[in-house]
């Protein structure tokens, strides 16, 4: 049985009063994941900027 199925089974046994907290936590984790990906993207942009902002690079993409 996969983890997703285990989580689903556990949620089915949780009292209704806890479901809003679980939903909040799931949304928090999703937001955290997006923010972490954005941090990696921004870090990559910073490190690659020196290569992207060269005249040679502009010439290579000029025909598009």
Protein backbone atom coordinates (compact mmCIF):
# COMPACT_ATOMS: atom_id res chain seq x y z
CA UNK A 1 0.00 0.00 0.00
CA UNK A 2 1.38 3.41 -0.97
CA UNK A 3 1.74 6.39 1.30
CA UNK A 4 -1.10 8.24 -0.41
CA UNK A 5 -3.46 5.36 0.37
CA UNK A 6 -2.22 5.27 3.98
CA UNK A 7 -2.84 9.00 4.37
CA UNK A 8 -6.31 8.63 2.85
CA UNK A 9 -7.16 5.83 5.27
CA UNK A 10 -5.93 7.83 8.23
CA UNK A 11 -7.97 10.87 7.14
CA UNK A 12 -11.08 8.71 6.87
CA UNK A 13 -10.68 7.84 10.57
CA UNK A 14 -10.07 11.41 11.75
CA UNK A 15 -12.89 13.24 13.53
CA UNK A 16 -14.55 15.94 11.39
CA UNK A 17 -13.32 18.64 13.76
CA UNK A 18 -9.69 18.02 12.67
CA UNK A 19 -10.31 18.10 8.93
CA UNK A 20 -9.94 21.88 8.61
CA UNK A 21 -6.53 21.68 10.30
CA UNK A 22 -5.47 18.90 7.98
CA UNK A 23 -6.61 20.91 4.97
CA UNK A 24 -4.68 23.95 6.22
CA UNK A 25 -1.57 21.82 6.63
CA UNK A 26 -1.88 20.35 3.13
CA UNK A 27 -2.23 23.86 1.68
CA UNK A 28 0.79 25.00 3.71
CA UNK A 29 2.89 22.14 2.31
CA UNK A 30 1.83 22.94 -1.26
CA UNK A 31 2.69 26.61 -0.81
CA UNK A 32 6.03 25.71 0.78
CA UNK A 33 6.86 23.49 -2.19
CA UNK A 34 6.14 26.29 -4.68
CA UNK A 35 8.22 28.75 -2.65
CA UNK A 36 11.17 26.35 -2.51
CA UNK A 37 11.05 25.86 -6.28
CA UNK A 38 10.99 29.63 -6.74
CA UNK A 39 14.07 30.00 -4.52
CA UNK A 40 15.95 27.47 -6.65
CA UNK A 41 14.85 29.25 -9.82
CA UNK A 42 15.99 32.62 -8.54
CA UNK A 43 19.31 31.19 -7.37
CA UNK A 44 19.86 29.65 -10.80
CA UNK A 45 19.02 32.91 -12.51
CA UNK A 46 21.55 34.76 -10.39
CA UNK A 47 24.32 32.29 -11.13
CA UNK A 48 23.54 32.09 -14.86
CA UNK A 49 22.99 35.82 -15.37
CA UNK A 50 26.67 36.40 -16.18
CA UNK A 51 26.32 34.01 -19.13
CA UNK A 52 22.90 35.19 -20.28
CA UNK A 53 23.74 38.88 -20.37
CA UNK A 54 26.54 38.68 -22.92
CA UNK A 55 26.56 40.07 -26.45
CA UNK A 56 27.34 36.60 -27.82
CA UNK A 57 24.22 35.21 -26.18
CA UNK A 58 22.08 37.99 -27.66
CA UNK A 59 23.48 37.26 -31.11
CA UNK A 60 22.76 33.54 -30.75
CA UNK A 61 19.08 34.23 -30.02
CA UNK A 62 18.68 37.20 -32.36
CA UNK A 63 17.12 35.16 -35.17
CA UNK A 64 14.18 33.96 -33.08
